[in-house]
Protein backbone atom coordinates (compact mmCIF):
# COMPACT_ATOMS: atom_id res chain seq x y z
CA UNK A 1 -129.58 3.08 -115.32
CA UNK A 2 -132.02 5.28 -112.95
CA UNK A 3 -130.23 8.48 -112.31
CA UNK A 4 -131.59 11.58 -113.54
CA UNK A 5 -129.13 14.30 -112.65
CA UNK A 6 -125.46 14.92 -112.04
CA UNK A 7 -123.53 17.28 -110.64
CA UNK A 8 -121.43 20.04 -112.91
CA UNK A 9 -118.00 20.55 -111.37
CA UNK A 10 -115.08 23.17 -112.54
CA UNK A 11 -112.01 23.07 -113.26
CA UNK A 12 -110.94 23.42 -109.71
CA UNK A 13 -113.13 20.20 -108.70
CA UNK A 14 -115.90 22.33 -106.91
CA UNK A 15 -119.45 21.84 -107.85
CA UNK A 16 -120.91 24.87 -109.64
CA UNK A 17 -124.37 23.34 -110.89
CA UNK A 18 -126.38 20.69 -111.28
CA UNK A 19 -127.39 18.89 -115.18
CA UNK A 20 -130.38 16.79 -116.02
CA UNK A 21 -128.92 13.72 -117.49
CA UNK A 22 -129.96 12.63 -121.12
CA UNK A 23 -132.21 9.56 -121.26
CA UNK A 24 -129.63 7.35 -122.95
CA UNK A 25 -128.10 7.07 -119.58
CA UNK A 26 -131.04 4.74 -118.48
CA UNK A 27 -130.05 1.85 -121.12
CA UNK A 28 -129.42 -1.76 -119.65
CA UNK A 29 -126.14 -2.79 -119.29
CA UNK A 30 -125.90 -5.11 -122.33
CA UNK A 31 -122.26 -6.47 -122.69
CA UNK A 32 -122.98 -9.05 -125.12
CA UNK A 33 -124.09 -6.58 -127.56
CA UNK A 34 -121.24 -4.13 -126.79
CA UNK A 35 -118.72 -7.12 -127.42
CA UNK A 36 -120.23 -7.86 -130.67
CA UNK A 37 -120.21 -4.25 -131.57
CA UNK A 38 -116.23 -3.68 -130.56
CA UNK A 39 -115.13 -7.09 -132.44
CA UNK A 40 -116.95 -5.72 -135.58
CA UNK A 41 -115.29 -2.33 -135.31
CA UNK A 42 -111.61 -3.71 -134.82
CA UNK A 43 -112.28 -6.33 -137.48
CA UNK A 44 -112.83 -3.35 -140.10
CA UNK A 45 -108.66 -2.81 -139.18
CA UNK A 46 -107.35 -6.40 -140.07
CA UNK A 47 -105.23 -6.25 -143.37
CA UNK A 48 -106.12 -9.17 -145.89
CA UNK A 49 -103.06 -11.58 -145.99
CA UNK A 50 -102.47 -14.78 -148.15
CA UNK A 51 -100.07 -16.56 -150.17
CA UNK A 52 -99.23 -16.69 -153.68
CA UNK A 53 -101.11 -19.82 -155.21
CA UNK A 54 -98.10 -20.91 -156.88
CA UNK A 55 -95.90 -20.68 -153.73
CA UNK A 56 -93.71 -24.17 -153.49
CA UNK A 57 -94.96 -25.11 -157.04
CA UNK A 58 -92.30 -23.73 -159.32
CA UNK A 59 -90.41 -26.61 -159.83
CA UNK A 60 -89.96 -29.79 -162.56
CA UNK A 61 -90.51 -32.50 -159.92
CA UNK A 62 -92.20 -35.37 -160.87
CA UNK A 63 -92.74 -38.81 -159.03
CA UNK A 64 -90.70 -41.48 -160.17
CA UNK A 65 -93.56 -44.25 -160.04
CA UNK A 66 -93.19 -47.61 -158.41
CA UNK A 67 -91.14 -50.31 -158.32
CA UNK A 68 -87.79 -48.71 -157.04
CA UNK A 69 -88.33 -49.00 -153.73
CA UNK A 70 -88.57 -45.49 -152.51
CA UNK A 71 -91.25 -43.13 -151.97
CA UNK A 72 -93.35 -42.16 -154.41
CA UNK A 73 -93.28 -38.16 -153.59
CA UNK A 74 -92.53 -36.12 -156.35
CA UNK A 75 -88.58 -35.62 -156.90
CA UNK A 76 -86.00 -33.26 -158.72
CA UNK A 77 -84.74 -34.62 -162.12
CA UNK A 78 -81.28 -34.34 -160.62
CA UNK A 79 -80.30 -35.42 -157.01
CA UNK A 80 -83.64 -37.20 -156.28
CA UNK A 81 -84.69 -34.70 -153.79
CA UNK A 82 -88.05 -34.77 -152.94
CA UNK A 83 -89.86 -31.39 -153.85
CA UNK A 84 -93.65 -29.98 -154.37
CA UNK A 85 -95.36 -32.20 -151.62
CA UNK A 86 -96.70 -31.06 -148.18
CA UNK A 87 -94.60 -31.05 -145.63
CA UNK A 88 -91.05 -31.54 -147.96
CA UNK A 89 -88.51 -28.89 -147.29
CA UNK A 90 -89.05 -25.81 -150.20
CA UNK A 91 -92.81 -27.51 -150.51
CA UNK A 92 -96.20 -25.78 -150.29
CA UNK A 93 -98.43 -25.65 -147.34
CA UNK A 94 -101.51 -27.62 -147.22
CA UNK A 95 -103.86 -25.42 -146.89
CA UNK A 96 -102.55 -21.91 -146.80
CA UNK A 97 -104.45 -18.68 -145.75
CA UNK A 98 -106.43 -17.07 -148.88
CA UNK A 99 -106.47 -13.22 -149.43
CA UNK A 100 -110.26 -13.52 -150.29
CA UNK A 101 -111.04 -14.74 -146.86
CA UNK A 102 -113.84 -12.64 -145.01
CA UNK A 103 -112.42 -11.21 -142.36
CA UNK A 104 -114.65 -8.10 -141.83
CA UNK A 105 -117.80 -8.51 -139.30
CA UNK A 106 -120.82 -7.04 -139.93
CA UNK A 107 -123.48 -5.63 -137.28
CA UNK A 108 -127.44 -4.44 -137.97
CA UNK A 109 -127.00 -0.41 -137.46
CA UNK A 110 -129.74 -0.95 -134.69
CA UNK A 111 -127.58 -3.24 -132.75
CA UNK A 112 -124.36 -1.04 -132.91
CA UNK A 113 -126.84 1.90 -131.80
CA UNK A 114 -127.69 -0.20 -128.95
CA UNK A 115 -124.16 -1.04 -128.18
CA UNK A 116 -123.37 2.69 -128.11
CA UNK A 117 -126.24 3.35 -126.00
CA UNK A 118 -125.21 1.18 -123.84
CA UNK A 119 -121.70 2.12 -123.36
CA UNK A 120 -122.57 5.38 -122.73
CA UNK A 121 -124.87 4.14 -120.23
CA UNK A 122 -122.38 2.15 -118.29
CA UNK A 123 -119.78 5.25 -117.86
CA UNK A 124 -122.49 6.70 -115.70
CA UNK A 125 -122.22 3.76 -113.11
CA UNK A 126 -119.45 3.95 -110.40
CA UNK A 127 -119.87 0.01 -109.92
CA UNK A 128 -118.93 -0.63 -113.86
CA UNK A 129 -116.30 1.50 -113.78
CA UNK A 130 -114.19 0.11 -110.87
CA UNK A 131 -115.26 -3.38 -111.81
CA UNK A 132 -113.28 -2.35 -115.32
CA UNK A 133 -110.06 -1.79 -113.04
CA UNK A 134 -110.21 2.21 -113.08
CA UNK A 135 -108.95 3.74 -109.59
CA UNK A 136 -112.18 5.95 -108.78
CA UNK A 137 -112.34 5.77 -104.94
CA UNK A 138 -112.01 9.62 -105.19
CA UNK A 139 -113.75 10.78 -107.79
CA UNK A 140 -116.82 12.75 -106.70
CA UNK A 141 -119.73 11.76 -109.11
CA UNK A 142 -120.80 9.48 -112.06
CA UNK A 143 -121.11 10.05 -114.75
CA UNK A 144 -118.52 13.06 -114.30
CA UNK A 145 -119.55 16.37 -115.93
CA UNK A 146 -117.06 19.38 -115.86
CA UNK A 147 -117.81 22.70 -117.41
CA UNK A 148 -116.86 23.92 -120.92
CA UNK A 149 -113.40 25.30 -120.06
CA UNK A 150 -111.99 22.29 -120.12
CA UNK A 151 -111.86 22.23 -123.74
CA UNK A 152 -109.43 25.33 -123.98
CA UNK A 153 -106.81 23.68 -121.30
CA UNK A 154 -103.55 24.65 -123.24
CA UNK A 155 -100.67 23.07 -121.23
CA UNK A 156 -100.29 19.33 -119.71
CA UNK A 157 -99.62 20.94 -116.46
CA UNK A 158 -103.11 22.48 -116.50
CA UNK A 159 -104.79 18.93 -117.55
CA UNK A 160 -102.75 17.59 -114.83
CA UNK A 161 -103.96 19.83 -112.39
CA UNK A 162 -107.55 19.26 -113.56
CA UNK A 163 -107.56 15.54 -113.33
CA UNK A 164 -105.88 15.71 -109.75
CA UNK A 165 -108.72 18.08 -108.77
CA UNK A 166 -110.95 15.57 -109.71
CA UNK A 167 -109.79 12.59 -108.31
CA UNK A 168 -108.88 11.08 -111.92
CA UNK A 169 -104.83 11.45 -111.42
CA UNK A 170 -104.45 8.01 -109.69
CA UNK A 171 -106.22 6.51 -113.02
CA UNK A 172 -103.58 8.42 -115.04
CA UNK A 173 -100.82 7.00 -113.21
CA UNK A 174 -102.10 3.45 -112.96
CA UNK A 175 -102.22 3.66 -116.76
CA UNK A 176 -98.23 5.05 -116.15
CA UNK A 177 -97.33 2.08 -114.37
CA UNK A 178 -99.35 -0.98 -116.28
CA UNK A 179 -96.59 -0.37 -119.24
CA UNK A 180 -94.77 -3.26 -120.24
CA UNK A 181 -93.09 -5.19 -123.32
CA UNK A 182 -95.41 -7.36 -124.84
CA UNK A 183 -95.15 -11.17 -124.31
CA UNK A 184 -94.52 -13.08 -128.06
CA UNK A 185 -93.52 -12.16 -131.26
CA UNK A 186 -95.42 -8.95 -131.30
CA UNK A 187 -93.09 -6.93 -129.76
CA UNK A 188 -90.62 -7.19 -132.99
CA UNK A 189 -93.86 -6.14 -135.17
CA UNK A 190 -94.19 -2.61 -134.26
CA UNK A 191 -96.29 -3.10 -130.86
CA UNK A 192 -93.60 -3.62 -128.39
CA UNK A 193 -95.38 -2.56 -125.45
CA UNK A 194 -98.60 -2.52 -123.96
CA UNK A 195 -100.48 -0.12 -121.89
CA UNK A 196 -103.98 0.18 -119.97
CA UNK A 197 -106.17 2.96 -120.76
CA UNK A 198 -107.13 5.63 -118.42
CA UNK A 199 -109.85 8.43 -118.76
CA UNK A 200 -111.72 9.17 -121.66
CA UNK A 201 -112.42 13.24 -121.84
CA UNK A 202 -115.14 14.01 -124.28
CA UNK A 203 -115.82 17.80 -125.62
CA UNK A 204 -118.27 19.27 -127.72
CA UNK A 205 -115.77 20.94 -130.21
CA UNK A 206 -112.20 20.59 -130.98
CA UNK A 207 -109.93 22.51 -128.98
CA UNK A 208 -106.20 23.11 -127.47
CA UNK A 209 -106.75 19.79 -125.03
CA UNK A 210 -106.14 17.86 -127.69
CA UNK A 211 -102.35 18.65 -127.90
CA UNK A 212 -102.44 19.78 -124.25
CA UNK A 213 -103.44 15.91 -122.81
CA UNK A 214 -101.85 14.10 -125.76
CA UNK A 215 -98.56 13.41 -123.57
CA UNK A 216 -100.65 11.88 -120.67
CA UNK A 217 -100.06 8.23 -120.88
CA UNK A 218 -103.81 6.17 -121.02
CA UNK A 219 -105.71 9.81 -121.68
CA UNK A 220 -107.50 10.10 -124.61
CA UNK A 221 -109.75 12.97 -125.79
CA UNK A 222 -112.43 12.70 -128.17
CA UNK A 223 -115.48 14.77 -129.73
CA UNK A 224 -119.02 13.62 -128.77
CA UNK A 225 -119.97 13.78 -132.85
CA UNK A 226 -117.05 11.02 -133.41
CA UNK A 227 -118.03 8.39 -130.26
CA UNK A 228 -117.96 4.91 -131.01
CA UNK A 229 -118.03 1.73 -128.67
CA UNK A 230 -114.53 0.72 -128.84
CA UNK A 231 -113.66 4.36 -127.27
CA UNK A 232 -116.07 3.77 -124.47
CA UNK A 233 -115.31 0.19 -124.13
CA UNK A 234 -111.83 -0.95 -125.08
CA UNK A 235 -111.12 -4.24 -125.44
CA UNK A 236 -114.97 -5.10 -125.23
CA UNK A 237 -115.19 -4.42 -121.56
CA UNK A 238 -117.64 -1.81 -120.58
CA UNK A 239 -117.15 1.23 -118.51
CA UNK A 240 -114.33 3.32 -119.10
CA UNK A 241 -113.74 6.35 -116.70
CA UNK A 242 -115.31 8.92 -118.54
CA UNK A 243 -115.34 12.99 -118.01
CA UNK A 244 -118.38 14.73 -120.14
CA UNK A 245 -118.04 18.58 -120.85
CA UNK A 246 -121.33 20.15 -120.30
CA UNK A 247 -122.05 20.96 -123.45
CA UNK A 248 -121.34 17.52 -125.07
CA UNK A 249 -123.85 16.27 -122.71
CA UNK A 250 -126.45 18.54 -124.25
CA UNK A 251 -125.16 17.54 -127.53
CA UNK A 252 -125.58 14.13 -126.72
CA UNK A 253 -129.25 14.39 -125.35
CA UNK A 254 -130.01 16.24 -129.06
CA UNK A 255 -128.03 13.38 -131.14
CA UNK A 256 -130.17 10.47 -129.19
CA UNK A 257 -133.44 12.36 -129.00
CA UNK A 258 -133.43 12.63 -132.82
CA UNK A 259 -132.07 8.97 -133.43
CA UNK A 260 -135.14 7.96 -131.36
């Protein structure tokens, strides 16, 4: 979105170099396209569900007809209790959900690519990241680029120290404090708690940081080859606080130059 270079920091938060930013960071912000892309990705996780077409219909109930001074609803042979109809105890639903309903949303490949480009560019603008709710007052630069040694951190306390030196630990604490019990029935369906997302660390290859950071609330580790719009814009809101390794940024440049 206009910036040409970015500072590169070491694991102690000191500037050691400068790097030229890929052209993808000049992409305009398109929250409408990002929203469509994230919604499409989320729809692929939905599980089709429907009702048995014969539910509430397995009965011998028949209407007694007219002239008896009673409603003409289907009734059981014994007891005269109403059955089979809509709104009747033991009856069927009027328009139940069907498993063949189309719930997967599709999006053109070029539009998905534009959404990814826009979501990447949004991570490089401090105002957008702060507007999303991240605590970025102490973050030294945007986009935040660090040396490749970040991928080899082996212990959680090392990742904590690294985030602290970059001014991103306040956002991890914010994610930890946001954890709360979900309102509604979802709390009894395997998703009892809700929690805000924190920093996203993007590396070029799999390393020990994946295990070292997995216990930190809100922190995610992603390979640059596996990036998607939902990781960069959770909940369809662009501007996640993102930390890029130097090699991941170079790989990003190659990826989008080939795409162009």
